[in-house]
Amino acid sequence: MANTRPYEVTFVVRPDIDETAFTGVVDKVKGWITAAGGAVTQANIWGRRRLAYPIKKLTEGQYVLLLADLPTQALAGLERDLRLSEEVLRFLLVRADD
C-alpha cells in the first residue's frame, strides 16, 4: 500500500432522495476511497441540515463526514468523482492532523 495520510471528506447529499438512495451514495463514496487504495476509518452521518445559501434551488442537505486514510495521488480522482456525482451538492477534502 502506498504512503497514506489522514483526510476528512465532508460532502452534502441532495435532501430529496430517500434513505436507501442516501445509503447508496455514502457507500459509493466509500467504494471510491477503497478503490483508490485508501481506507475509511470513520463515518459520521450528520443528518439533514439547513444550507447557508441555496444550491440548485435547494435549502437543505444531508451532511456526511468520512475520516479516511488516502494516498496523495488518489485525491484528484476522488475530487473528480465527487464533482461528477449528481447526488452530491458540495464537498470538501481536507487533510486531517496526524
PDB file of N, CA and C in Angstrom:
ATOM      1  N   MET A   1       0.846  -1.180   0.000  1.00  0.00           N
ATOM      2  CA  MET A   1       0.000   0.000   0.000  1.00  0.00           C
ATOM      3  C   MET A   1       0.883   1.231   0.000  1.00  0.00           C
ATOM      4  N   ALA A   2       0.487   2.204  -0.777  1.00  0.00           N
ATOM      5  CA  ALA A   2       1.267   3.437  -0.889  1.00  0.00           C
ATOM      6  C   ALA A   2       1.214   4.214   0.418  1.00  0.00           C
ATOM      7  N   ASN A   3       2.049   5.219   0.511  1.00  0.00           N
ATOM      8  CA  ASN A   3       2.083   6.076   1.693  1.00  0.00           C
ATOM      9  C   ASN A   3       0.767   6.846   1.805  1.00  0.00           C
ATOM     10  N   THR A   4       0.037   6.646   2.909  1.00  0.00           N
ATOM     11  CA  THR A   4      -1.266   7.292   3.055  1.00  0.00           C
ATOM     12  C   THR A   4      -1.223   8.347   4.149  1.00  0.00           C
ATOM     13  N   ARG A   5      -2.144   9.290   4.039  1.00  0.00           N
ATOM     14  CA  ARG A   5      -2.296  10.357   5.031  1.00  0.00           C
ATOM     15  C   ARG A   5      -3.761  10.433   5.435  1.00  0.00           C
ATOM     16  N   PRO A   6      -4.037  10.934   6.642  1.00  0.00           N
ATOM     17  CA  PRO A   6      -5.447  11.053   7.052  1.00  0.00           C
ATOM     18  C   PRO A   6      -6.114  12.273   6.415  1.00  0.00           C
ATOM     19  N   TYR A   7      -7.331  12.086   5.944  1.00  0.00           N
ATOM     20  CA  TYR A   7      -8.106  13.161   5.328  1.00  0.00           C
ATOM     21  C   TYR A   7      -9.525  13.153   5.880  1.00  0.00           C
ATOM     22  N   GLU A   8     -10.135  14.334   5.887  1.00  0.00           N
ATOM     23  CA  GLU A   8     -11.555  14.469   6.181  1.00  0.00           C
ATOM     24  C   GLU A   8     -12.276  14.736   4.867  1.00  0.00           C
ATOM     25  N   VAL A   9     -13.220  13.883   4.540  1.00  0.00           N
ATOM     26  CA  VAL A   9     -14.021  14.051   3.334  1.00  0.00           C
ATOM     27  C   VAL A   9     -15.441  14.394   3.794  1.00  0.00           C
ATOM     28  N   THR A  10     -15.822  15.662   3.629  1.00  0.00           N
ATOM     29  CA  THR A  10     -17.158  16.111   4.010  1.00  0.00           C
ATOM     30  C   THR A  10     -17.934  16.386   2.734  1.00  0.00           C
ATOM     31  N   PHE A  11     -19.163  15.885   2.671  1.00  0.00           N
ATOM     32  CA  PHE A  11     -19.976  16.171   1.491  1.00  0.00           C
ATOM     33  C   PHE A  11     -21.442  16.308   1.860  1.00  0.00           C
ATOM     34  N   VAL A  12     -22.164  17.043   1.015  1.00  0.00           N
ATOM     35  CA  VAL A  12     -23.587  17.315   1.214  1.00  0.00           C
ATOM     36  C   VAL A  12     -24.356  16.611   0.101  1.00  0.00           C
ATOM     37  N   VAL A  13     -25.305  15.773   0.506  1.00  0.00           N
ATOM     38  CA  VAL A  13     -26.108  14.999  -0.441  1.00  0.00           C
ATOM     39  C   VAL A  13     -27.470  15.665  -0.586  1.00  0.00           C
ATOM     40  N   ARG A  14     -28.063  15.556  -1.762  1.00  0.00           N
ATOM     41  CA  ARG A  14     -29.390  16.130  -2.023  1.00  0.00           C
ATOM     42  C   ARG A  14     -30.387  15.673  -0.951  1.00  0.00           C
ATOM     43  N   PRO A  15     -31.250  16.569  -0.481  1.00  0.00           N
ATOM     44  CA  PRO A  15     -32.206  16.189   0.562  1.00  0.00           C
ATOM     45  C   PRO A  15     -33.420  15.422   0.043  1.00  0.00           C
ATOM     46  N   ASP A  16     -33.648  15.451  -1.277  1.00  0.00           N
ATOM     47  CA  ASP A  16     -34.874  14.876  -1.830  1.00  0.00           C
ATOM     48  C   ASP A  16     -34.742  13.410  -2.250  1.00  0.00           C
ATOM     49  N   ILE A  17     -33.654  12.744  -1.845  1.00  0.00           N
ATOM     50  CA  ILE A  17     -33.544  11.311  -2.151  1.00  0.00           C
ATOM     51  C   ILE A  17     -33.903  10.516  -0.894  1.00  0.00           C
ATOM     52  N   ASP A  18     -34.389   9.300  -1.089  1.00  0.00           N
ATOM     53  CA  ASP A  18     -34.834   8.502   0.058  1.00  0.00           C
ATOM     54  C   ASP A  18     -33.647   7.865   0.796  1.00  0.00           C
ATOM     55  N   GLU A  19     -33.959   7.219   1.913  1.00  0.00           N
ATOM     56  CA  GLU A  19     -32.929   6.651   2.797  1.00  0.00           C
ATOM     57  C   GLU A  19     -32.054   5.623   2.071  1.00  0.00           C
ATOM     58  N   THR A  20     -32.661   4.780   1.241  1.00  0.00           N
ATOM     59  CA  THR A  20     -31.916   3.750   0.513  1.00  0.00           C
ATOM     60  C   THR A  20     -30.930   4.378  -0.464  1.00  0.00           C
ATOM     61  N   ALA A  21     -31.394   5.388  -1.205  1.00  0.00           N
ATOM     62  CA  ALA A  21     -30.513   6.062  -2.165  1.00  0.00           C
ATOM     63  C   ALA A  21     -29.404   6.815  -1.438  1.00  0.00           C
ATOM     64  N   PHE A  22     -29.723   7.409  -0.281  1.00  0.00           N
ATOM     65  CA  PHE A  22     -28.713   8.123   0.513  1.00  0.00           C
ATOM     66  C   PHE A  22     -27.620   7.163   0.971  1.00  0.00           C
ATOM     67  N   THR A  23     -28.022   6.003   1.493  1.00  0.00           N
ATOM     68  CA  THR A  23     -27.051   4.990   1.911  1.00  0.00           C
ATOM     69  C   THR A  23     -26.211   4.531   0.726  1.00  0.00           C
ATOM     70  N   GLY A  24     -26.838   4.423  -0.444  1.00  0.00           N
ATOM     71  CA  GLY A  24     -26.113   4.043  -1.655  1.00  0.00           C
ATOM     72  C   GLY A  24     -25.060   5.065  -2.033  1.00  0.00           C
ATOM     73  N   VAL A  25     -25.374   6.364  -1.883  1.00  0.00           N
ATOM     74  CA  VAL A  25     -24.405   7.424  -2.198  1.00  0.00           C
ATOM     75  C   VAL A  25     -23.211   7.338  -1.247  1.00  0.00           C
ATOM     76  N   VAL A  26     -23.488   7.170   0.050  1.00  0.00           N
ATOM     77  CA  VAL A  26     -22.407   7.069   1.038  1.00  0.00           C
ATOM     78  C   VAL A  26     -21.532   5.852   0.741  1.00  0.00           C
ATOM     79  N   ASP A  27     -22.164   4.716   0.427  1.00  0.00           N
ATOM     80  CA  ASP A  27     -21.400   3.509   0.095  1.00  0.00           C
ATOM     81  C   ASP A  27     -20.588   3.690  -1.182  1.00  0.00           C
ATOM     82  N   LYS A  28     -21.143   4.423  -2.146  1.00  0.00           N
ATOM     83  CA  LYS A  28     -20.432   4.674  -3.404  1.00  0.00           C
ATOM     84  C   LYS A  28     -19.163   5.491  -3.145  1.00  0.00           C
ATOM     85  N   VAL A  29     -19.265   6.528  -2.295  1.00  0.00           N
ATOM     86  CA  VAL A  29     -18.088   7.347  -1.968  1.00  0.00           C
ATOM     87  C   VAL A  29     -17.059   6.507  -1.207  1.00  0.00           C
ATOM     88  N   LYS A  30     -17.516   5.676  -0.274  1.00  0.00           N
ATOM     89  CA  LYS A  30     -16.598   4.776   0.445  1.00  0.00           C
ATOM     90  C   LYS A  30     -15.895   3.838  -0.541  1.00  0.00           C
ATOM     91  N   GLY A  31     -16.652   3.368  -1.534  1.00  0.00           N
ATOM     92  CA  GLY A  31     -16.075   2.489  -2.552  1.00  0.00           C
ATOM     93  C   GLY A  31     -15.005   3.179  -3.373  1.00  0.00           C
ATOM     94  N   TRP A  32     -15.240   4.461  -3.714  1.00  0.00           N
ATOM     95  CA  TRP A  32     -14.225   5.223  -4.454  1.00  0.00           C
ATOM     96  C   TRP A  32     -12.949   5.336  -3.634  1.00  0.00           C
ATOM     97  N   ILE A  33     -13.089   5.548  -2.318  1.00  0.00           N
ATOM     98  CA  ILE A  33     -11.918   5.701  -1.446  1.00  0.00           C
ATOM     99  C   ILE A  33     -11.133   4.394  -1.390  1.00  0.00           C
ATOM    100  N   THR A  34     -11.823   3.267  -1.193  1.00  0.00           N
ATOM    101  CA  THR A  34     -11.111   1.986  -1.109  1.00  0.00           C
ATOM    102  C   THR A  34     -10.532   1.579  -2.457  1.00  0.00           C
ATOM    103  N   ALA A  35     -11.235   1.906  -3.556  1.00  0.00           N
ATOM    104  CA  ALA A  35     -10.713   1.574  -4.886  1.00  0.00           C
ATOM    105  C   ALA A  35      -9.449   2.367  -5.202  1.00  0.00           C
ATOM    106  N   ALA A  36      -9.314   3.544  -4.593  1.00  0.00           N
ATOM    107  CA  ALA A  36      -8.133   4.375  -4.833  1.00  0.00           C
ATOM    108  C   ALA A  36      -6.961   3.972  -3.935  1.00  0.00           C
ATOM    109  N   GLY A  37      -7.136   2.920  -3.144  1.00  0.00           N
ATOM    110  CA  GLY A  37      -6.055   2.468  -2.278  1.00  0.00           C
ATOM    111  C   GLY A  37      -6.129   3.035  -0.876  1.00  0.00           C
ATOM    112  N   GLY A  38      -7.249   3.625  -0.525  1.00  0.00           N
ATOM    113  CA  GLY A  38      -7.417   4.204   0.805  1.00  0.00           C
ATOM    114  C   GLY A  38      -8.280   3.325   1.686  1.00  0.00           C
ATOM    115  N   ALA A  39      -8.539   3.819   2.891  1.00  0.00           N
ATOM    116  CA  ALA A  39      -9.386   3.095   3.833  1.00  0.00           C
ATOM    117  C   ALA A  39     -10.204   4.100   4.637  1.00  0.00           C
ATOM    118  N   VAL A  40     -11.499   3.840   4.766  1.00  0.00           N
ATOM    119  CA  VAL A  40     -12.363   4.692   5.578  1.00  0.00           C
ATOM    120  C   VAL A  40     -12.211   4.247   7.030  1.00  0.00           C
ATOM    121  N   THR A  41     -11.776   5.170   7.895  1.00  0.00           N
ATOM    122  CA  THR A  41     -11.576   4.832   9.299  1.00  0.00           C
ATOM    123  C   THR A  41     -12.793   5.161  10.150  1.00  0.00           C
ATOM    124  N   GLN A  42     -13.601   6.132   9.718  1.00  0.00           N
ATOM    125  CA  GLN A  42     -14.787   6.513  10.485  1.00  0.00           C
ATOM    126  C   GLN A  42     -15.790   7.184   9.561  1.00  0.00           C
ATOM    127  N   ALA A  43     -17.076   6.932   9.794  1.00  0.00           N
ATOM    128  CA  ALA A  43     -18.147   7.556   9.016  1.00  0.00           C
ATOM    129  C   ALA A  43     -19.144   8.189   9.977  1.00  0.00           C
ATOM    130  N   ASN A  44     -19.370   9.487   9.826  1.00  0.00           N
ATOM    131  CA  ASN A  44     -20.330  10.212  10.655  1.00  0.00           C
ATOM    132  C   ASN A  44     -21.417  10.792   9.769  1.00  0.00           C
ATOM    133  N   ILE A  45     -22.653  10.391  10.015  1.00  0.00           N
ATOM    134  CA  ILE A  45     -23.798  10.945   9.299  1.00  0.00           C
ATOM    135  C   ILE A  45     -24.338  12.080  10.166  1.00  0.00           C
ATOM    136  N   TRP A  46     -24.191  13.312   9.714  1.00  0.00           N
ATOM    137  CA  TRP A  46     -24.670  14.465  10.478  1.00  0.00           C
ATOM    138  C   TRP A  46     -26.155  14.694  10.291  1.00  0.00           C
ATOM    139  N   GLY A  47     -26.713  14.138   9.245  1.00  0.00           N
ATOM    140  CA  GLY A  47     -28.144  14.271   9.008  1.00  0.00           C
ATOM    141  C   GLY A  47     -28.502  15.501   8.193  1.00  0.00           C
ATOM    142  N   ARG A  48     -29.788  15.788   8.172  1.00  0.00           N
ATOM    143  CA  ARG A  48     -30.325  16.883   7.358  1.00  0.00           C
ATOM    144  C   ARG A  48     -30.105  18.212   8.068  1.00  0.00           C
ATOM    145  N   ARG A  49     -29.502  19.144   7.365  1.00  0.00           N
ATOM    146  CA  ARG A  49     -29.243  20.475   7.925  1.00  0.00           C
ATOM    147  C   ARG A  49     -29.587  21.534   6.896  1.00  0.00           C
ATOM    148  N   ARG A  50     -29.827  22.733   7.392  1.00  0.00           N
ATOM    149  CA  ARG A  50     -30.119  23.866   6.525  1.00  0.00           C
ATOM    150  C   ARG A  50     -28.809  24.360   5.898  1.00  0.00           C
ATOM    151  N   LEU A  51     -28.862  24.683   4.598  1.00  0.00           N
ATOM    152  CA  LEU A  51     -27.693  25.211   3.908  1.00  0.00           C
ATOM    153  C   LEU A  51     -27.560  26.707   4.184  1.00  0.00           C
ATOM    154  N   ALA A  52     -26.344  27.209   4.150  1.00  0.00           N
ATOM    155  CA  ALA A  52     -26.112  28.639   4.377  1.00  0.00           C
ATOM    156  C   ALA A  52     -26.701  29.480   3.242  1.00  0.00           C
ATOM    157  N   TYR A  53     -26.750  28.902   2.054  1.00  0.00           N
ATOM    158  CA  TYR A  53     -27.323  29.579   0.892  1.00  0.00           C
ATOM    159  C   TYR A  53     -27.894  28.501  -0.035  1.00  0.00           C
ATOM    160  N   PRO A  54     -28.896  28.842  -0.835  1.00  0.00           N
ATOM    161  CA  PRO A  54     -29.496  27.836  -1.724  1.00  0.00           C
ATOM    162  C   PRO A  54     -28.496  27.326  -2.764  1.00  0.00           C
ATOM    163  N   ILE A  55     -28.509  26.022  -2.981  1.00  0.00           N
ATOM    164  CA  ILE A  55     -27.696  25.380  -4.020  1.00  0.00           C
ATOM    165  C   ILE A  55     -28.668  24.619  -4.917  1.00  0.00           C
ATOM    166  N   LYS A  56     -28.681  24.954  -6.198  1.00  0.00           N
ATOM    167  CA  LYS A  56     -29.607  24.339  -7.157  1.00  0.00           C
ATOM    168  C   LYS A  56     -31.054  24.422  -6.646  1.00  0.00           C
ATOM    169  N   LYS A  57     -31.416  25.577  -6.068  1.00  0.00           N
ATOM    170  CA  LYS A  57     -32.754  25.862  -5.532  1.00  0.00           C
ATOM    171  C   LYS A  57     -33.121  24.992  -4.329  1.00  0.00           C
ATOM    172  N   LEU A  58     -32.148  24.352  -3.705  1.00  0.00           N
ATOM    173  CA  LEU A  58     -32.388  23.548  -2.509  1.00  0.00           C
ATOM    174  C   LEU A  58     -31.892  24.317  -1.288  1.00  0.00           C
ATOM    175  N   THR A  59     -32.626  24.234  -0.178  1.00  0.00           N
ATOM    176  CA  THR A  59     -32.234  24.959   1.034  1.00  0.00           C
ATOM    177  C   THR A  59     -31.727  24.037   2.134  1.00  0.00           C
ATOM    178  N   GLU A  60     -31.828  22.717   1.929  1.00  0.00           N
ATOM    179  CA  GLU A  60     -31.340  21.751   2.910  1.00  0.00           C
ATOM    180  C   GLU A  60     -30.447  20.734   2.229  1.00  0.00           C
ATOM    181  N   GLY A  61     -29.656  20.024   3.034  1.00  0.00           N
ATOM    182  CA  GLY A  61     -28.824  18.959   2.525  1.00  0.00           C
ATOM    183  C   GLY A  61     -28.558  17.942   3.618  1.00  0.00           C
ATOM    184  N   GLN A  62     -28.147  16.746   3.217  1.00  0.00           N
ATOM    185  CA  GLN A  62     -27.799  15.692   4.159  1.00  0.00           C
ATOM    186  C   GLN A  62     -26.276  15.629   4.242  1.00  0.00           C
ATOM    187  N   TYR A  63     -25.743  15.932   5.407  1.00  0.00           N
ATOM    188  CA  TYR A  63     -24.299  16.063   5.587  1.00  0.00           C
ATOM    189  C   TYR A  63     -23.667  14.744   6.009  1.00  0.00           C
ATOM    190  N   VAL A  64     -22.478  14.471   5.458  1.00  0.00           N
ATOM    191  CA  VAL A  64     -21.726  13.264   5.796  1.00  0.00           C
ATOM    192  C   VAL A  64     -20.262  13.643   5.970  1.00  0.00           C
ATOM    193  N   LEU A  65     -19.635  13.114   7.023  1.00  0.00           N
ATOM    194  CA  LEU A  65     -18.198  13.292   7.246  1.00  0.00           C
ATOM    195  C   LEU A  65     -17.551  11.923   7.274  1.00  0.00           C
ATOM    196  N   LEU A  66     -16.580  11.708   6.387  1.00  0.00           N
ATOM    197  CA  LEU A  66     -15.806  10.469   6.378  1.00  0.00           C
ATOM    198  C   LEU A  66     -14.372  10.791   6.761  1.00  0.00           C
ATOM    199  N   LEU A  67     -13.827  10.046   7.703  1.00  0.00           N
ATOM    200  CA  LEU A  67     -12.403  10.134   8.004  1.00  0.00           C
ATOM    201  C   LEU A  67     -11.747   8.972   7.271  1.00  0.00           C
ATOM    202  N   ALA A  68     -10.739   9.291   6.463  1.00  0.00           N
ATOM    203  CA  ALA A  68     -10.141   8.261   5.613  1.00  0.00           C
ATOM    204  C   ALA A  68      -8.639   8.445   5.512  1.00  0.00           C
ATOM    205  N   ASP A  69      -7.939   7.336   5.349  1.00  0.00           N
ATOM    206  CA  ASP A  69      -6.513   7.351   5.030  1.00  0.00           C
ATOM    207  C   ASP A  69      -6.403   7.152   3.528  1.00  0.00           C
ATOM    208  N   LEU A  70      -5.813   8.149   2.854  1.00  0.00           N
ATOM    209  CA  LEU A  70      -5.738   8.126   1.396  1.00  0.00           C
ATOM    210  C   LEU A  70      -4.316   8.369   0.912  1.00  0.00           C
ATOM    211  N   PRO A  71      -3.900   7.707  -0.172  1.00  0.00           N
ATOM    212  CA  PRO A  71      -2.658   8.103  -0.817  1.00  0.00           C
ATOM    213  C   PRO A  71      -2.851   9.448  -1.517  1.00  0.00           C
ATOM    214  N   THR A  72      -1.833  10.287  -1.496  1.00  0.00           N
ATOM    215  CA  THR A  72      -1.979  11.639  -2.047  1.00  0.00           C
ATOM    216  C   THR A  72      -2.318  11.618  -3.539  1.00  0.00           C
ATOM    217  N   GLN A  73      -1.846  10.630  -4.281  1.00  0.00           N
ATOM    218  CA  GLN A  73      -2.137  10.597  -5.719  1.00  0.00           C
ATOM    219  C   GLN A  73      -3.596  10.234  -6.000  1.00  0.00           C
ATOM    220  N   ALA A  74      -4.346   9.790  -4.992  1.00  0.00           N
ATOM    221  CA  ALA A  74      -5.753   9.420  -5.194  1.00  0.00           C
ATOM    222  C   ALA A  74      -6.690  10.619  -5.049  1.00  0.00           C
ATOM    223  N   LEU A  75      -6.190  11.748  -4.569  1.00  0.00           N
ATOM    224  CA  LEU A  75      -7.057  12.893  -4.289  1.00  0.00           C
ATOM    225  C   LEU A  75      -7.736  13.446  -5.538  1.00  0.00           C
ATOM    226  N   ALA A  76      -6.994  13.588  -6.614  1.00  0.00           N
ATOM    227  CA  ALA A  76      -7.552  14.170  -7.842  1.00  0.00           C
ATOM    228  C   ALA A  76      -8.701  13.320  -8.370  1.00  0.00           C
ATOM    229  N   GLY A  77      -8.544  12.005  -8.358  1.00  0.00           N
ATOM    230  CA  GLY A  77      -9.600  11.112  -8.834  1.00  0.00           C
ATOM    231  C   GLY A  77     -10.837  11.166  -7.962  1.00  0.00           C
ATOM    232  N   LEU A  78     -10.633  11.222  -6.640  1.00  0.00           N
ATOM    233  CA  LEU A  78     -11.771  11.298  -5.719  1.00  0.00           C
ATOM    234  C   LEU A  78     -12.529  12.617  -5.896  1.00  0.00           C
ATOM    235  N   GLU A  79     -11.793  13.719  -6.042  1.00  0.00           N
ATOM    236  CA  GLU A  79     -12.438  15.016  -6.279  1.00  0.00           C
ATOM    237  C   GLU A  79     -13.235  15.003  -7.579  1.00  0.00           C
ATOM    238  N   ARG A  80     -12.692  14.393  -8.611  1.00  0.00           N
ATOM    239  CA  ARG A  80     -13.400  14.318  -9.900  1.00  0.00           C
ATOM    240  C   ARG A  80     -14.691  13.514  -9.742  1.00  0.00           C
ATOM    241  N   ASP A  81     -14.614  12.368  -9.070  1.00  0.00           N
ATOM    242  CA  ASP A  81     -15.802  11.537  -8.882  1.00  0.00           C
ATOM    243  C   ASP A  81     -16.880  12.271  -8.080  1.00  0.00           C
ATOM    244  N   LEU A  82     -16.468  12.985  -7.023  1.00  0.00           N
ATOM    245  CA  LEU A  82     -17.435  13.739  -6.219  1.00  0.00           C
ATOM    246  C   LEU A  82     -18.066  14.871  -7.031  1.00  0.00           C
ATOM    247  N   ARG A  83     -17.257  15.550  -7.829  1.00  0.00           N
ATOM    248  CA  ARG A  83     -17.759  16.664  -8.643  1.00  0.00           C
ATOM    249  C   ARG A  83     -18.767  16.170  -9.686  1.00  0.00           C
ATOM    250  N   LEU A  84     -18.549  14.991 -10.251  1.00  0.00           N
ATOM    251  CA  LEU A  84     -19.424  14.470 -11.303  1.00  0.00           C
ATOM    252  C   LEU A  84     -20.668  13.779 -10.763  1.00  0.00           C
ATOM    253  N   SER A  85     -20.701  13.501  -9.462  1.00  0.00           N
ATOM    254  CA  SER A  85     -21.845  12.806  -8.876  1.00  0.00           C
ATOM    255  C   SER A  85     -23.068  13.730  -8.842  1.00  0.00           C
ATOM    256  N   GLU A  86     -24.179  13.242  -9.354  1.00  0.00           N
ATOM    257  CA  GLU A  86     -25.414  14.032  -9.409  1.00  0.00           C
ATOM    258  C   GLU A  86     -25.978  14.298  -8.013  1.00  0.00           C
ATOM    259  N   GLU A  87     -25.789  13.347  -7.089  1.00  0.00           N
ATOM    260  CA  GLU A  87     -26.414  13.454  -5.772  1.00  0.00           C
ATOM    261  C   GLU A  87     -25.642  14.357  -4.818  1.00  0.00           C
ATOM    262  N   VAL A  88     -24.343  14.589  -5.078  1.00  0.00           N
ATOM    263  CA  VAL A  88     -23.515  15.382  -4.170  1.00  0.00           C
ATOM    264  C   VAL A  88     -23.594  16.848  -4.573  1.00  0.00           C
ATOM    265  N   LEU A  89     -24.099  17.686  -3.648  1.00  0.00           N
ATOM    266  CA  LEU A  89     -24.228  19.117  -3.935  1.00  0.00           C
ATOM    267  C   LEU A  89     -22.892  19.831  -3.758  1.00  0.00           C
ATOM    268  N   ARG A  90     -22.221  19.580  -2.636  1.00  0.00           N
ATOM    269  CA  ARG A  90     -20.923  20.192  -2.335  1.00  0.00           C
ATOM    270  C   ARG A  90     -20.058  19.181  -1.606  1.00  0.00           C
ATOM    271  N   PHE A  91     -18.729  19.373  -1.686  1.00  0.00           N
ATOM    272  CA  PHE A  91     -17.816  18.512  -0.940  1.00  0.00           C
ATOM    273  C   PHE A  91     -16.592  19.309  -0.535  1.00  0.00           C
ATOM    274  N   LEU A  92     -15.913  18.808   0.475  1.00  0.00           N
ATOM    275  CA  LEU A  92     -14.684  19.437   0.947  1.00  0.00           C
ATOM    276  C   LEU A  92     -13.730  18.340   1.355  1.00  0.00           C
ATOM    277  N   LEU A  93     -12.538  18.382   0.824  1.00  0.00           N
ATOM    278  CA  LEU A  93     -11.496  17.406   1.107  1.00  0.00           C
ATOM    279  C   LEU A  93     -10.369  18.120   1.823  1.00  0.00           C
ATOM    280  N   VAL A  94     -10.118  17.767   3.084  1.00  0.00           N
ATOM    281  CA  VAL A  94      -9.128  18.461   3.894  1.00  0.00           C
ATOM    282  C   VAL A  94      -8.214  17.432   4.540  1.00  0.00           C
ATOM    283  N   ARG A  95      -6.931  17.759   4.600  1.00  0.00           N
ATOM    284  CA  ARG A  95      -6.009  16.866   5.280  1.00  0.00           C
ATOM    285  C   ARG A  95      -6.179  17.038   6.789  1.00  0.00           C
ATOM    286  N   ALA A  96      -6.386  15.917   7.478  1.00  0.00           N
ATOM    287  CA  ALA A  96      -6.585  15.955   8.935  1.00  0.00           C
ATOM    288  C   ALA A  96      -5.241  15.968   9.633  1.00  0.00           C
ATOM    289  N   ASP A  97      -5.232  16.486  10.842  1.00  0.00           N
ATOM    290  CA  ASP A  97      -3.995  16.483  11.637  1.00  0.00           C
ATOM    291  C   ASP A  97      -3.644  15.053  12.018  1.00  0.00           C
ATOM    292  N   ASP A  98      -2.354  14.771  12.015  1.00  0.00           N
ATOM    293  CA  ASP A  98      -1.890  13.409  12.374  1.00  0.00           C
ATOM    294  C   ASP A  98      -2.136  13.109  13.836  1.00  0.00           C
TER     295      ASP A  98
END
